[in-house]
Amino acid sequence: MTVNIQQAKASLSKLLQRVSLGEEVIITKAGKPIARIVAAKAGQKKPQLGWAKGRVWIAHDFDATPQDLIDAFHNSPIEPGE
């Protein structure tokens, strides 16, 4: 169903009733669609922030490069620029 802004303002409650029955309503301005009204999905959950708090940790030496890796680079048989 398509209605212009004035029609939507005048009959919003009726339009919402139709939407609740599964119909989609397009609102137009100067003949061009600008909005769509659809029924909300029941039971749709919002993302919950902080759900991993206390479950994730980063080791104190996370950024430290192991000495054996540093030694491997310094003792590499490949010369720089090859």
N, C-alpha and C. Protein backbone atom coordinates (compact mmCIF):
# COMPACT_ATOMS: atom_id res chain seq x y z
N MET A 1 0.84 -1.16 0.00
CA MET A 1 0.00 0.00 0.00
C MET A 1 0.90 1.24 0.00
N THR A 2 0.54 2.24 -0.77
CA THR A 2 1.29 3.48 -0.87
C THR A 2 0.38 4.66 -0.50
N VAL A 3 0.90 5.55 0.36
CA VAL A 3 0.16 6.75 0.75
C VAL A 3 1.12 7.93 0.77
N ASN A 4 0.57 9.14 0.57
CA ASN A 4 1.43 10.31 0.67
C ASN A 4 1.49 10.75 2.13
N ILE A 5 2.33 11.73 2.41
CA ILE A 5 2.54 12.16 3.79
C ILE A 5 1.25 12.64 4.44
N GLN A 6 0.47 13.41 3.72
CA GLN A 6 -0.78 13.93 4.30
C GLN A 6 -1.73 12.80 4.67
N GLN A 7 -1.85 11.81 3.79
CA GLN A 7 -2.72 10.66 4.09
C GLN A 7 -2.19 9.90 5.30
N ALA A 8 -0.87 9.75 5.38
CA ALA A 8 -0.27 9.03 6.50
C ALA A 8 -0.54 9.75 7.82
N LYS A 9 -0.42 11.07 7.83
CA LYS A 9 -0.69 11.84 9.04
C LYS A 9 -2.14 11.69 9.48
N ALA A 10 -3.06 11.73 8.51
CA ALA A 10 -4.49 11.69 8.81
C ALA A 10 -4.96 10.32 9.27
N SER A 11 -4.24 9.26 8.86
CA SER A 11 -4.75 7.92 9.18
C SER A 11 -3.67 7.00 9.73
N LEU A 12 -2.77 7.54 10.54
CA LEU A 12 -1.67 6.75 11.07
C LEU A 12 -2.14 5.52 11.84
N SER A 13 -3.11 5.66 12.72
CA SER A 13 -3.56 4.51 13.51
C SER A 13 -4.12 3.41 12.62
N LYS A 14 -4.84 3.76 11.56
CA LYS A 14 -5.38 2.75 10.64
C LYS A 14 -4.25 2.08 9.87
N LEU A 15 -3.26 2.88 9.47
CA LEU A 15 -2.12 2.31 8.76
C LEU A 15 -1.35 1.33 9.64
N LEU A 16 -1.16 1.70 10.90
CA LEU A 16 -0.45 0.82 11.82
C LEU A 16 -1.22 -0.48 12.07
N GLN A 17 -2.53 -0.38 12.07
CA GLN A 17 -3.35 -1.58 12.23
C GLN A 17 -3.14 -2.52 11.04
N ARG A 18 -3.09 -1.97 9.83
CA ARG A 18 -2.85 -2.78 8.63
C ARG A 18 -1.46 -3.40 8.67
N VAL A 19 -0.48 -2.60 9.13
CA VAL A 19 0.89 -3.11 9.23
C VAL A 19 0.95 -4.28 10.22
N SER A 20 0.22 -4.15 11.33
CA SER A 20 0.23 -5.22 12.33
C SER A 20 -0.36 -6.52 11.79
N LEU A 21 -1.14 -6.42 10.73
CA LEU A 21 -1.72 -7.61 10.09
C LEU A 21 -0.82 -8.15 8.97
N GLY A 22 0.37 -7.54 8.83
CA GLY A 22 1.33 -8.06 7.85
C GLY A 22 1.49 -7.24 6.59
N GLU A 23 0.73 -6.19 6.45
CA GLU A 23 0.83 -5.36 5.25
C GLU A 23 2.00 -4.39 5.38
N GLU A 24 2.55 -3.99 4.25
CA GLU A 24 3.62 -3.01 4.22
C GLU A 24 3.06 -1.70 3.67
N VAL A 25 3.46 -0.59 4.28
CA VAL A 25 2.98 0.72 3.84
C VAL A 25 4.18 1.56 3.40
N ILE A 26 4.08 2.11 2.21
CA ILE A 26 5.11 3.00 1.69
C ILE A 26 4.58 4.42 1.77
N ILE A 27 5.36 5.33 2.35
CA ILE A 27 4.97 6.74 2.42
C ILE A 27 5.75 7.49 1.35
N THR A 28 5.03 8.31 0.58
CA THR A 28 5.66 9.04 -0.51
C THR A 28 5.60 10.54 -0.29
N LYS A 29 6.51 11.23 -0.95
CA LYS A 29 6.51 12.69 -0.96
C LYS A 29 6.72 13.09 -2.41
N ALA A 30 5.80 13.84 -2.95
CA ALA A 30 5.84 14.25 -4.36
C ALA A 30 5.93 13.04 -5.26
N GLY A 31 5.26 11.96 -4.86
CA GLY A 31 5.21 10.76 -5.68
C GLY A 31 6.42 9.85 -5.56
N LYS A 32 7.40 10.22 -4.75
CA LYS A 32 8.60 9.39 -4.58
C LYS A 32 8.62 8.77 -3.19
N PRO A 33 8.92 7.46 -3.11
CA PRO A 33 8.95 6.79 -1.81
C PRO A 33 10.02 7.39 -0.90
N ILE A 34 9.65 7.66 0.35
CA ILE A 34 10.62 8.18 1.32
C ILE A 34 10.71 7.34 2.59
N ALA A 35 9.70 6.50 2.84
CA ALA A 35 9.73 5.67 4.04
C ALA A 35 8.89 4.42 3.83
N ARG A 36 9.21 3.40 4.63
CA ARG A 36 8.47 2.16 4.58
C ARG A 36 8.13 1.75 6.00
N ILE A 37 6.88 1.42 6.23
CA ILE A 37 6.45 0.97 7.55
C ILE A 37 6.18 -0.53 7.46
N VAL A 38 6.86 -1.29 8.30
CA VAL A 38 6.66 -2.74 8.35
C VAL A 38 6.51 -3.15 9.81
N ALA A 39 5.93 -4.31 10.04
CA ALA A 39 5.74 -4.80 11.40
C ALA A 39 7.09 -5.15 12.02
N ALA A 40 7.22 -4.85 13.31
CA ALA A 40 8.43 -5.21 14.05
C ALA A 40 8.43 -6.71 14.28
N LYS A 41 9.61 -7.29 14.26
CA LYS A 41 9.73 -8.73 14.51
C LYS A 41 9.59 -8.97 16.01
N ALA A 42 8.70 -9.85 16.37
CA ALA A 42 8.49 -10.17 17.78
C ALA A 42 9.69 -10.93 18.32
N GLY A 43 10.09 -10.60 19.52
CA GLY A 43 11.17 -11.32 20.17
C GLY A 43 12.55 -10.95 19.68
N GLN A 44 12.66 -9.95 18.84
CA GLN A 44 13.97 -9.54 18.35
C GLN A 44 14.73 -8.88 19.49
N LYS A 45 15.91 -9.41 19.79
CA LYS A 45 16.69 -8.90 20.91
C LYS A 45 17.70 -7.86 20.44
N LYS A 46 17.91 -6.87 21.28
CA LYS A 46 18.95 -5.89 21.02
C LYS A 46 20.28 -6.49 21.46
N PRO A 47 21.37 -6.11 20.79
CA PRO A 47 22.67 -6.61 21.25
C PRO A 47 22.95 -6.14 22.67
N GLN A 48 23.50 -7.02 23.47
CA GLN A 48 23.78 -6.68 24.86
C GLN A 48 25.26 -6.35 24.99
N LEU A 49 25.54 -5.13 25.38
CA LEU A 49 26.92 -4.71 25.55
C LEU A 49 27.51 -5.29 26.83
N GLY A 50 28.77 -5.61 26.78
CA GLY A 50 29.46 -6.10 27.96
C GLY A 50 29.29 -7.58 28.23
N TRP A 51 28.75 -8.33 27.29
CA TRP A 51 28.49 -9.75 27.54
C TRP A 51 29.77 -10.56 27.77
N ALA A 52 30.92 -10.08 27.29
CA ALA A 52 32.17 -10.83 27.46
C ALA A 52 33.02 -10.29 28.60
N LYS A 53 32.50 -9.36 29.37
CA LYS A 53 33.28 -8.77 30.46
C LYS A 53 33.72 -9.87 31.44
N GLY A 54 35.01 -9.89 31.72
CA GLY A 54 35.54 -10.88 32.65
C GLY A 54 35.88 -12.20 31.99
N ARG A 55 35.53 -12.39 30.74
CA ARG A 55 35.81 -13.65 30.03
C ARG A 55 37.04 -13.55 29.13
N VAL A 56 37.42 -12.34 28.80
CA VAL A 56 38.53 -12.13 27.89
C VAL A 56 39.63 -11.39 28.63
N TRP A 57 40.88 -11.82 28.43
CA TRP A 57 42.00 -11.13 29.04
C TRP A 57 43.16 -11.14 28.07
N ILE A 58 44.07 -10.21 28.26
CA ILE A 58 45.26 -10.12 27.43
C ILE A 58 46.46 -10.25 28.36
N ALA A 59 47.36 -11.13 28.01
CA ALA A 59 48.54 -11.37 28.83
C ALA A 59 49.39 -10.11 28.96
N HIS A 60 50.06 -9.96 30.09
CA HIS A 60 50.88 -8.76 30.33
C HIS A 60 52.01 -8.63 29.32
N ASP A 61 52.47 -9.74 28.75
CA ASP A 61 53.58 -9.71 27.79
C ASP A 61 53.10 -9.89 26.35
N PHE A 62 51.86 -9.51 26.09
CA PHE A 62 51.25 -9.70 24.76
C PHE A 62 52.11 -9.10 23.65
N ASP A 63 52.63 -7.90 23.86
CA ASP A 63 53.41 -7.21 22.83
C ASP A 63 54.89 -7.60 22.82
N ALA A 64 55.34 -8.40 23.74
CA ALA A 64 56.75 -8.76 23.82
C ALA A 64 57.10 -9.79 22.73
N THR A 65 58.23 -9.56 22.08
CA THR A 65 58.70 -10.51 21.06
C THR A 65 59.62 -11.51 21.75
N PRO A 66 59.35 -12.82 21.57
CA PRO A 66 60.20 -13.83 22.21
C PRO A 66 61.66 -13.70 21.75
N GLN A 67 62.58 -13.90 22.67
CA GLN A 67 64.01 -13.73 22.37
C GLN A 67 64.47 -14.68 21.26
N ASP A 68 63.96 -15.91 21.23
CA ASP A 68 64.39 -16.84 20.18
C ASP A 68 64.00 -16.35 18.79
N LEU A 69 62.91 -15.64 18.67
CA LEU A 69 62.50 -15.07 17.38
C LEU A 69 63.42 -13.91 17.00
N ILE A 70 63.75 -13.07 17.97
CA ILE A 70 64.69 -11.97 17.71
C ILE A 70 66.03 -12.54 17.26
N ASP A 71 66.54 -13.57 17.96
CA ASP A 71 67.81 -14.20 17.60
C ASP A 71 67.76 -14.79 16.20
N ALA A 72 66.62 -15.39 15.84
CA ALA A 72 66.49 -15.99 14.51
C ALA A 72 66.61 -14.93 13.42
N PHE A 73 66.08 -13.75 13.64
CA PHE A 73 66.19 -12.68 12.64
C PHE A 73 67.63 -12.16 12.56
N HIS A 74 68.29 -12.02 13.70
CA HIS A 74 69.66 -11.49 13.71
C HIS A 74 70.67 -12.50 13.16
N ASN A 75 70.39 -13.76 13.28
CA ASN A 75 71.31 -14.81 12.82
C ASN A 75 70.90 -15.38 11.47
N SER A 76 70.03 -14.68 10.76
CA SER A 76 69.55 -15.16 9.47
C SER A 76 70.68 -15.17 8.44
N PRO A 77 70.78 -16.22 7.60
CA PRO A 77 71.82 -16.28 6.58
C PRO A 77 71.55 -15.32 5.41
N ILE A 78 70.37 -14.76 5.34
CA ILE A 78 70.03 -13.85 4.25
C ILE A 78 70.45 -12.44 4.64
N GLU A 79 71.22 -11.83 3.77
CA GLU A 79 71.69 -10.45 4.00
C GLU A 79 70.60 -9.46 3.63
N PRO A 80 70.54 -8.34 4.31
CA PRO A 80 69.57 -7.30 3.95
C PRO A 80 69.78 -6.86 2.51
N GLY A 81 68.71 -6.63 1.78
CA GLY A 81 68.77 -6.18 0.40
C GLY A 81 68.82 -7.30 -0.61
N GLU A 82 68.84 -8.55 -0.17
CA GLU A 82 68.86 -9.68 -1.13
C GLU A 82 67.47 -10.04 -1.57
